[in-house]
Amino acid sequence: MLFEYNIAYGISYLSGIVISFVLNGKFVFKASLTIGKALKYPLVYIVQYVINLVVLNVLIEYISINEKVAPLLVIIISIPITFI
């Protein structure tokens, strides 16, 4: 294993936020990307990240779901939460 699952999840989540910021800013909203906007953008995702991390740990530590499968289940569980 290259990284412990919490670290790997954090890296992938942060990468997704950066990619989302750039692609949404440039292509969807055609807006300029500034440091101020870049610092505000992830604030929306903090609550979602904490919920997802808790669910990930519960699935792995208490329900004994494989570390490679659990992140996929977290995504499925978090989609309705994110929508709301």
PDB file of N, CA and C in Angstrom:
ATOM      1  N   MET A   1       0.844  -1.166   0.000  1.00  0.00           N
ATOM      2  CA  MET A   1       0.000   0.000   0.000  1.00  0.00           C
ATOM      3  C   MET A   1       0.895   1.236   0.000  1.00  0.00           C
ATOM      4  N   LEU A   2       0.615   2.140  -0.902  1.00  0.00           N
ATOM      5  CA  LEU A   2       1.422   3.348  -1.039  1.00  0.00           C
ATOM      6  C   LEU A   2       1.113   4.356   0.065  1.00  0.00           C
ATOM      7  N   PHE A   3      -0.184   4.584   0.334  1.00  0.00           N
ATOM      8  CA  PHE A   3      -0.612   5.508   1.377  1.00  0.00           C
ATOM      9  C   PHE A   3      -1.668   4.847   2.246  1.00  0.00           C
ATOM     10  N   GLU A   4      -1.768   5.293   3.476  1.00  0.00           N
ATOM     11  CA  GLU A   4      -2.861   4.884   4.346  1.00  0.00           C
ATOM     12  C   GLU A   4      -4.139   5.471   3.745  1.00  0.00           C
ATOM     13  N   TYR A   5      -5.278   4.791   3.876  1.00  0.00           N
ATOM     14  CA  TYR A   5      -6.481   5.174   3.137  1.00  0.00           C
ATOM     15  C   TYR A   5      -6.972   6.587   3.434  1.00  0.00           C
ATOM     16  N   ASN A   6      -6.812   7.085   4.660  1.00  0.00           N
ATOM     17  CA  ASN A   6      -7.244   8.455   4.951  1.00  0.00           C
ATOM     18  C   ASN A   6      -6.396   9.481   4.188  1.00  0.00           C
ATOM     19  N   ILE A   7      -5.112   9.225   4.077  1.00  0.00           N
ATOM     20  CA  ILE A   7      -4.225  10.131   3.332  1.00  0.00           C
ATOM     21  C   ILE A   7      -4.537  10.056   1.842  1.00  0.00           C
ATOM     22  N   ALA A   8      -4.712   8.861   1.320  1.00  0.00           N
ATOM     23  CA  ALA A   8      -5.038   8.692  -0.098  1.00  0.00           C
ATOM     24  C   ALA A   8      -6.363   9.379  -0.428  1.00  0.00           C
ATOM     25  N   TYR A   9      -7.348   9.239   0.458  1.00  0.00           N
ATOM     26  CA  TYR A   9      -8.646   9.880   0.227  1.00  0.00           C
ATOM     27  C   TYR A   9      -8.484  11.400   0.239  1.00  0.00           C
ATOM     28  N   GLY A  10      -7.713  11.920   1.160  1.00  0.00           N
ATOM     29  CA  GLY A  10      -7.479  13.359   1.237  1.00  0.00           C
ATOM     30  C   GLY A  10      -6.812  13.905  -0.008  1.00  0.00           C
ATOM     31  N   ILE A  11      -5.800  13.191  -0.497  1.00  0.00           N
ATOM     32  CA  ILE A  11      -5.098  13.607  -1.719  1.00  0.00           C
ATOM     33  C   ILE A  11      -6.047  13.603  -2.914  1.00  0.00           C
ATOM     34  N   SER A  12      -6.835  12.551  -3.055  1.00  0.00           N
ATOM     35  CA  SER A  12      -7.755  12.480  -4.195  1.00  0.00           C
ATOM     36  C   SER A  12      -8.840  13.551  -4.093  1.00  0.00           C
ATOM     37  N   TYR A  13      -9.317  13.824  -2.884  1.00  0.00           N
ATOM     38  CA  TYR A  13     -10.352  14.832  -2.691  1.00  0.00           C
ATOM     39  C   TYR A  13      -9.819  16.223  -3.025  1.00  0.00           C
ATOM     40  N   LEU A  14      -8.631  16.525  -2.530  1.00  0.00           N
ATOM     41  CA  LEU A  14      -8.014  17.828  -2.811  1.00  0.00           C
ATOM     42  C   LEU A  14      -7.749  17.985  -4.310  1.00  0.00           C
ATOM     43  N   SER A  15      -7.282  16.937  -4.947  1.00  0.00           N
ATOM     44  CA  SER A  15      -7.051  16.982  -6.401  1.00  0.00           C
ATOM     45  C   SER A  15      -8.348  17.269  -7.148  1.00  0.00           C
ATOM     46  N   GLY A  16      -9.426  16.645  -6.715  1.00  0.00           N
ATOM     47  CA  GLY A  16     -10.727  16.857  -7.341  1.00  0.00           C
ATOM     48  C   GLY A  16     -11.205  18.290  -7.196  1.00  0.00           C
ATOM     49  N   ILE A  17     -10.968  18.891  -6.025  1.00  0.00           N
ATOM     50  CA  ILE A  17     -11.372  20.287  -5.802  1.00  0.00           C
ATOM     51  C   ILE A  17     -10.585  21.216  -6.727  1.00  0.00           C
ATOM     52  N   VAL A  18      -9.285  20.988  -6.840  1.00  0.00           N
ATOM     53  CA  VAL A  18      -8.446  21.834  -7.698  1.00  0.00           C
ATOM     54  C   VAL A  18      -8.883  21.707  -9.154  1.00  0.00           C
ATOM     55  N   ILE A  19      -9.069  20.475  -9.615  1.00  0.00           N
ATOM     56  CA  ILE A  19      -9.489  20.249 -11.006  1.00  0.00           C
ATOM     57  C   ILE A  19     -10.859  20.882 -11.250  1.00  0.00           C
ATOM     58  N   SER A  20     -11.784  20.706 -10.307  1.00  0.00           N
ATOM     59  CA  SER A  20     -13.121  21.283 -10.428  1.00  0.00           C
ATOM     60  C   SER A  20     -13.060  22.803 -10.504  1.00  0.00           C
ATOM     61  N   PHE A  21     -12.242  23.418  -9.649  1.00  0.00           N
ATOM     62  CA  PHE A  21     -12.108  24.876  -9.647  1.00  0.00           C
ATOM     63  C   PHE A  21     -11.623  25.378 -11.005  1.00  0.00           C
ATOM     64  N   VAL A  22     -10.587  24.757 -11.518  1.00  0.00           N
ATOM     65  CA  VAL A  22     -10.008  25.195 -12.793  1.00  0.00           C
ATOM     66  C   VAL A  22     -10.991  24.982 -13.944  1.00  0.00           C
ATOM     67  N   LEU A  23     -11.568  23.787 -14.040  1.00  0.00           N
ATOM     68  CA  LEU A  23     -12.459  23.493 -15.162  1.00  0.00           C
ATOM     69  C   LEU A  23     -13.747  24.311 -15.097  1.00  0.00           C
ATOM     70  N   ASN A  24     -14.339  24.435 -13.906  1.00  0.00           N
ATOM     71  CA  ASN A  24     -15.556  25.244 -13.774  1.00  0.00           C
ATOM     72  C   ASN A  24     -15.276  26.712 -14.060  1.00  0.00           C
ATOM     73  N   GLY A  25     -14.186  27.222 -13.540  1.00  0.00           N
ATOM     74  CA  GLY A  25     -13.845  28.623 -13.755  1.00  0.00           C
ATOM     75  C   GLY A  25     -13.571  28.945 -15.206  1.00  0.00           C
ATOM     76  N   LYS A  26     -12.770  28.121 -15.835  1.00  0.00           N
ATOM     77  CA  LYS A  26     -12.352  28.389 -17.221  1.00  0.00           C
ATOM     78  C   LYS A  26     -13.446  28.079 -18.243  1.00  0.00           C
ATOM     79  N   PHE A  27     -14.046  26.904 -18.132  1.00  0.00           N
ATOM     80  CA  PHE A  27     -14.927  26.433 -19.199  1.00  0.00           C
ATOM     81  C   PHE A  27     -16.417  26.630 -18.929  1.00  0.00           C
ATOM     82  N   VAL A  28     -16.848  26.487 -17.701  1.00  0.00           N
ATOM     83  CA  VAL A  28     -18.269  26.614 -17.415  1.00  0.00           C
ATOM     84  C   VAL A  28     -18.661  28.074 -17.238  1.00  0.00           C
ATOM     85  N   PHE A  29     -17.936  28.778 -16.371  1.00  0.00           N
ATOM     86  CA  PHE A  29     -18.304  30.155 -16.068  1.00  0.00           C
ATOM     87  C   PHE A  29     -17.463  31.179 -16.826  1.00  0.00           C
ATOM     88  N   LYS A  30     -16.422  30.712 -17.503  1.00  0.00           N
ATOM     89  CA  LYS A  30     -15.519  31.587 -18.256  1.00  0.00           C
ATOM     90  C   LYS A  30     -15.073  32.788 -17.410  1.00  0.00           C
ATOM     91  N   ALA A  31     -14.693  32.498 -16.179  1.00  0.00           N
ATOM     92  CA  ALA A  31     -14.291  33.529 -15.219  1.00  0.00           C
ATOM     93  C   ALA A  31     -12.775  33.515 -15.047  1.00  0.00           C
ATOM     94  N   SER A  32     -12.261  34.629 -14.557  1.00  0.00           N
ATOM     95  CA  SER A  32     -10.835  34.669 -14.259  1.00  0.00           C
ATOM     96  C   SER A  32     -10.580  33.921 -12.952  1.00  0.00           C
ATOM     97  N   LEU A  33      -9.481  33.229 -12.887  1.00  0.00           N
ATOM     98  CA  LEU A  33      -9.127  32.465 -11.699  1.00  0.00           C
ATOM     99  C   LEU A  33      -8.180  33.301 -10.849  1.00  0.00           C
ATOM    100  N   THR A  34      -8.644  33.674  -9.680  1.00  0.00           N
ATOM    101  CA  THR A  34      -7.824  34.491  -8.800  1.00  0.00           C
ATOM    102  C   THR A  34      -7.509  33.724  -7.518  1.00  0.00           C
ATOM    103  N   ILE A  35      -6.523  34.188  -6.797  1.00  0.00           N
ATOM    104  CA  ILE A  35      -6.153  33.561  -5.521  1.00  0.00           C
ATOM    105  C   ILE A  35      -7.323  33.650  -4.537  1.00  0.00           C
ATOM    106  N   GLY A  36      -7.997  34.780  -4.508  1.00  0.00           N
ATOM    107  CA  GLY A  36      -9.143  34.951  -3.610  1.00  0.00           C
ATOM    108  C   GLY A  36     -10.235  33.933  -3.865  1.00  0.00           C
ATOM    109  N   LYS A  37     -10.567  33.743  -5.141  1.00  0.00           N
ATOM    110  CA  LYS A  37     -11.583  32.751  -5.499  1.00  0.00           C
ATOM    111  C   LYS A  37     -11.100  31.342  -5.175  1.00  0.00           C
ATOM    112  N   ALA A  38      -9.827  31.090  -5.408  1.00  0.00           N
ATOM    113  CA  ALA A  38      -9.261  29.760  -5.137  1.00  0.00           C
ATOM    114  C   ALA A  38      -9.305  29.443  -3.645  1.00  0.00           C
ATOM    115  N   LEU A  39      -9.143  30.441  -2.804  1.00  0.00           N
ATOM    116  CA  LEU A  39      -9.183  30.215  -1.356  1.00  0.00           C
ATOM    117  C   LEU A  39     -10.612  30.024  -0.848  1.00  0.00           C
ATOM    118  N   LYS A  40     -11.590  30.682  -1.463  1.00  0.00           N
ATOM    119  CA  LYS A  40     -12.988  30.562  -1.054  1.00  0.00           C
ATOM    120  C   LYS A  40     -13.642  29.286  -1.572  1.00  0.00           C
ATOM    121  N   TYR A  41     -13.248  28.838  -2.739  1.00  0.00           N
ATOM    122  CA  TYR A  41     -13.897  27.709  -3.415  1.00  0.00           C
ATOM    123  C   TYR A  41     -13.969  26.443  -2.554  1.00  0.00           C
ATOM    124  N   PRO A  42     -12.894  26.035  -1.899  1.00  0.00           N
ATOM    125  CA  PRO A  42     -12.960  24.780  -1.135  1.00  0.00           C
ATOM    126  C   PRO A  42     -13.822  24.848   0.118  1.00  0.00           C
ATOM    127  N   LEU A  43     -14.187  26.025   0.573  1.00  0.00           N
ATOM    128  CA  LEU A  43     -15.005  26.129   1.782  1.00  0.00           C
ATOM    129  C   LEU A  43     -16.318  25.365   1.648  1.00  0.00           C
ATOM    130  N   VAL A  44     -16.849  25.331   0.448  1.00  0.00           N
ATOM    131  CA  VAL A  44     -18.098  24.622   0.186  1.00  0.00           C
ATOM    132  C   VAL A  44     -17.939  23.126   0.447  1.00  0.00           C
ATOM    133  N   TYR A  45     -16.752  22.612   0.244  1.00  0.00           N
ATOM    134  CA  TYR A  45     -16.528  21.171   0.305  1.00  0.00           C
ATOM    135  C   TYR A  45     -16.062  20.656   1.668  1.00  0.00           C
ATOM    136  N   ILE A  46     -15.817  21.542   2.614  1.00  0.00           N
ATOM    137  CA  ILE A  46     -15.297  21.102   3.911  1.00  0.00           C
ATOM    138  C   ILE A  46     -16.278  20.173   4.628  1.00  0.00           C
ATOM    139  N   VAL A  47     -17.542  20.563   4.689  1.00  0.00           N
ATOM    140  CA  VAL A  47     -18.548  19.742   5.369  1.00  0.00           C
ATOM    141  C   VAL A  47     -18.684  18.397   4.664  1.00  0.00           C
ATOM    142  N   GLN A  48     -18.738  18.422   3.351  1.00  0.00           N
ATOM    143  CA  GLN A  48     -18.855  17.180   2.590  1.00  0.00           C
ATOM    144  C   GLN A  48     -17.649  16.276   2.837  1.00  0.00           C
ATOM    145  N   TYR A  49     -16.465  16.841   2.880  1.00  0.00           N
ATOM    146  CA  TYR A  49     -15.256  16.060   3.116  1.00  0.00           C
ATOM    147  C   TYR A  49     -15.297  15.382   4.480  1.00  0.00           C
ATOM    148  N   VAL A  50     -15.703  16.127   5.512  1.00  0.00           N
ATOM    149  CA  VAL A  50     -15.760  15.564   6.863  1.00  0.00           C
ATOM    150  C   VAL A  50     -16.775  14.421   6.916  1.00  0.00           C
ATOM    151  N   ILE A  51     -17.946  14.628   6.330  1.00  0.00           N
ATOM    152  CA  ILE A  51     -18.963  13.561   6.302  1.00  0.00           C
ATOM    153  C   ILE A  51     -18.420  12.342   5.571  1.00  0.00           C
ATOM    154  N   ASN A  52     -17.811  12.557   4.418  1.00  0.00           N
ATOM    155  CA  ASN A  52     -17.272  11.441   3.633  1.00  0.00           C
ATOM    156  C   ASN A  52     -16.169  10.699   4.382  1.00  0.00           C
ATOM    157  N   LEU A  53     -15.319  11.427   5.079  1.00  0.00           N
ATOM    158  CA  LEU A  53     -14.234  10.801   5.826  1.00  0.00           C
ATOM    159  C   LEU A  53     -14.778   9.955   6.972  1.00  0.00           C
ATOM    160  N   VAL A  54     -15.807  10.454   7.638  1.00  0.00           N
ATOM    161  CA  VAL A  54     -16.439   9.675   8.714  1.00  0.00           C
ATOM    162  C   VAL A  54     -17.059   8.404   8.147  1.00  0.00           C
ATOM    163  N   VAL A  55     -17.793   8.537   7.042  1.00  0.00           N
ATOM    164  CA  VAL A  55     -18.415   7.365   6.416  1.00  0.00           C
ATOM    165  C   VAL A  55     -17.346   6.376   5.965  1.00  0.00           C
ATOM    166  N   LEU A  56     -16.268   6.868   5.379  1.00  0.00           N
ATOM    167  CA  LEU A  56     -15.172   5.996   4.938  1.00  0.00           C
ATOM    168  C   LEU A  56     -14.609   5.198   6.108  1.00  0.00           C
ATOM    169  N   ASN A  57     -14.349   5.873   7.211  1.00  0.00           N
ATOM    170  CA  ASN A  57     -13.796   5.191   8.383  1.00  0.00           C
ATOM    171  C   ASN A  57     -14.780   4.189   8.983  1.00  0.00           C
ATOM    172  N   VAL A  58     -16.053   4.535   9.011  1.00  0.00           N
ATOM    173  CA  VAL A  58     -17.064   3.606   9.528  1.00  0.00           C
ATOM    174  C   VAL A  58     -17.122   2.361   8.651  1.00  0.00           C
ATOM    175  N   LEU A  59     -17.135   2.554   7.335  1.00  0.00           N
ATOM    176  CA  LEU A  59     -17.194   1.404   6.421  1.00  0.00           C
ATOM    177  C   LEU A  59     -15.992   0.484   6.589  1.00  0.00           C
ATOM    178  N   ILE A  60     -14.822   1.058   6.747  1.00  0.00           N
ATOM    179  CA  ILE A  60     -13.605   0.245   6.832  1.00  0.00           C
ATOM    180  C   ILE A  60     -13.396  -0.326   8.228  1.00  0.00           C
ATOM    181  N   GLU A  61     -13.499   0.508   9.249  1.00  0.00           N
ATOM    182  CA  GLU A  61     -13.154   0.085  10.612  1.00  0.00           C
ATOM    183  C   GLU A  61     -14.252  -0.715  11.307  1.00  0.00           C
ATOM    184  N   TYR A  62     -15.514  -0.358  11.076  1.00  0.00           N
ATOM    185  CA  TYR A  62     -16.600  -0.991  11.817  1.00  0.00           C
ATOM    186  C   TYR A  62     -17.408  -1.993  11.005  1.00  0.00           C
ATOM    187  N   ILE A  63     -17.492  -1.793   9.703  1.00  0.00           N
ATOM    188  CA  ILE A  63     -18.256  -2.711   8.859  1.00  0.00           C
ATOM    189  C   ILE A  63     -17.329  -3.654   8.100  1.00  0.00           C
ATOM    190  N   SER A  64     -16.025  -3.404   8.179  1.00  0.00           N
ATOM    191  CA  SER A  64     -14.989  -4.260   7.575  1.00  0.00           C
ATOM    192  C   SER A  64     -15.096  -4.371   6.057  1.00  0.00           C
ATOM    193  N   ILE A  65     -15.396  -3.281   5.395  1.00  0.00           N
ATOM    194  CA  ILE A  65     -15.419  -3.257   3.934  1.00  0.00           C
ATOM    195  C   ILE A  65     -13.997  -2.989   3.453  1.00  0.00           C
ATOM    196  N   ASN A  66     -13.626  -3.623   2.384  1.00  0.00           N
ATOM    197  CA  ASN A  66     -12.289  -3.504   1.819  1.00  0.00           C
ATOM    198  C   ASN A  66     -11.934  -2.040   1.545  1.00  0.00           C
ATOM    199  N   GLU A  67     -10.671  -1.689   1.827  1.00  0.00           N
ATOM    200  CA  GLU A  67     -10.191  -0.314   1.648  1.00  0.00           C
ATOM    201  C   GLU A  67     -10.287   0.166   0.208  1.00  0.00           C
ATOM    202  N   LYS A  68     -10.282  -0.754  -0.738  1.00  0.00           N
ATOM    203  CA  LYS A  68     -10.353  -0.374  -2.148  1.00  0.00           C
ATOM    204  C   LYS A  68     -11.795  -0.194  -2.614  1.00  0.00           C
ATOM    205  N   VAL A  69     -12.733  -0.818  -1.947  1.00  0.00           N
ATOM    206  CA  VAL A  69     -14.143  -0.734  -2.318  1.00  0.00           C
ATOM    207  C   VAL A  69     -14.847   0.400  -1.581  1.00  0.00           C
ATOM    208  N   ALA A  70     -14.454   0.654  -0.359  1.00  0.00           N
ATOM    209  CA  ALA A  70     -15.125   1.651   0.489  1.00  0.00           C
ATOM    210  C   ALA A  70     -15.226   3.040  -0.144  1.00  0.00           C
ATOM    211  N   PRO A  71     -14.153   3.565  -0.785  1.00  0.00           N
ATOM    212  CA  PRO A  71     -14.298   4.901  -1.394  1.00  0.00           C
ATOM    213  C   PRO A  71     -15.393   4.968  -2.461  1.00  0.00           C
ATOM    214  N   LEU A  72     -15.597   3.883  -3.185  1.00  0.00           N
ATOM    215  CA  LEU A  72     -16.673   3.856  -4.183  1.00  0.00           C
ATOM    216  C   LEU A  72     -18.030   3.952  -3.501  1.00  0.00           C
ATOM    217  N   LEU A  73     -18.190   3.253  -2.388  1.00  0.00           N
ATOM    218  CA  LEU A  73     -19.441   3.327  -1.636  1.00  0.00           C
ATOM    219  C   LEU A  73     -19.644   4.717  -1.039  1.00  0.00           C
ATOM    220  N   VAL A  74     -18.561   5.341  -0.614  1.00  0.00           N
ATOM    221  CA  VAL A  74     -18.651   6.707  -0.074  1.00  0.00           C
ATOM    222  C   VAL A  74     -19.195   7.651  -1.144  1.00  0.00           C
ATOM    223  N   ILE A  75     -18.733   7.503  -2.357  1.00  0.00           N
ATOM    224  CA  ILE A  75     -19.218   8.344  -3.460  1.00  0.00           C
ATOM    225  C   ILE A  75     -20.716   8.135  -3.672  1.00  0.00           C
ATOM    226  N   ILE A  76     -21.132   6.886  -3.681  1.00  0.00           N
ATOM    227  CA  ILE A  76     -22.550   6.570  -3.885  1.00  0.00           C
ATOM    228  C   ILE A  76     -23.397   7.150  -2.753  1.00  0.00           C
ATOM    229  N   ILE A  77     -22.911   7.048  -1.534  1.00  0.00           N
ATOM    230  CA  ILE A  77     -23.641   7.572  -0.383  1.00  0.00           C
ATOM    231  C   ILE A  77     -23.658   9.098  -0.388  1.00  0.00           C
ATOM    232  N   SER A  78     -22.561   9.722  -0.816  1.00  0.00           N
ATOM    233  CA  SER A  78     -22.455  11.183  -0.714  1.00  0.00           C
ATOM    234  C   SER A  78     -23.173  11.940  -1.832  1.00  0.00           C
ATOM    235  N   ILE A  79     -23.488  11.296  -2.929  1.00  0.00           N
ATOM    236  CA  ILE A  79     -24.144  12.000  -4.036  1.00  0.00           C
ATOM    237  C   ILE A  79     -25.466  12.645  -3.593  1.00  0.00           C
ATOM    238  N   PRO A  80     -26.354  11.914  -2.917  1.00  0.00           N
ATOM    239  CA  PRO A  80     -27.604  12.583  -2.475  1.00  0.00           C
ATOM    240  C   PRO A  80     -27.341  13.703  -1.462  1.00  0.00           C
ATOM    241  N   ILE A  81     -26.363  13.515  -0.581  1.00  0.00           N
ATOM    242  CA  ILE A  81     -26.031  14.544   0.414  1.00  0.00           C
ATOM    243  C   ILE A  81     -25.522  15.792  -0.295  1.00  0.00           C
ATOM    244  N   THR A  82     -24.673  15.612  -1.285  1.00  0.00           N
ATOM    245  CA  THR A  82     -24.118  16.733  -2.039  1.00  0.00           C
ATOM    246  C   THR A  82     -25.233  17.472  -2.794  1.00  0.00           C
ATOM    247  N   PHE A  83     -26.160  16.729  -3.332  1.00  0.00           N
ATOM    248  CA  PHE A  83     -27.258  17.335  -4.082  1.00  0.00           C
ATOM    249  C   PHE A  83     -28.122  18.227  -3.190  1.00  0.00           C
ATOM    250  N   ILE A  84     -28.366  17.739  -1.979  1.00  0.00           N
ATOM    251  CA  ILE A  84     -29.199  18.489  -1.021  1.00  0.00           C
ATOM    252  C   ILE A  84     -28.453  19.716  -0.587  1.00  0.00           C
TER     253      ILE A  84
END
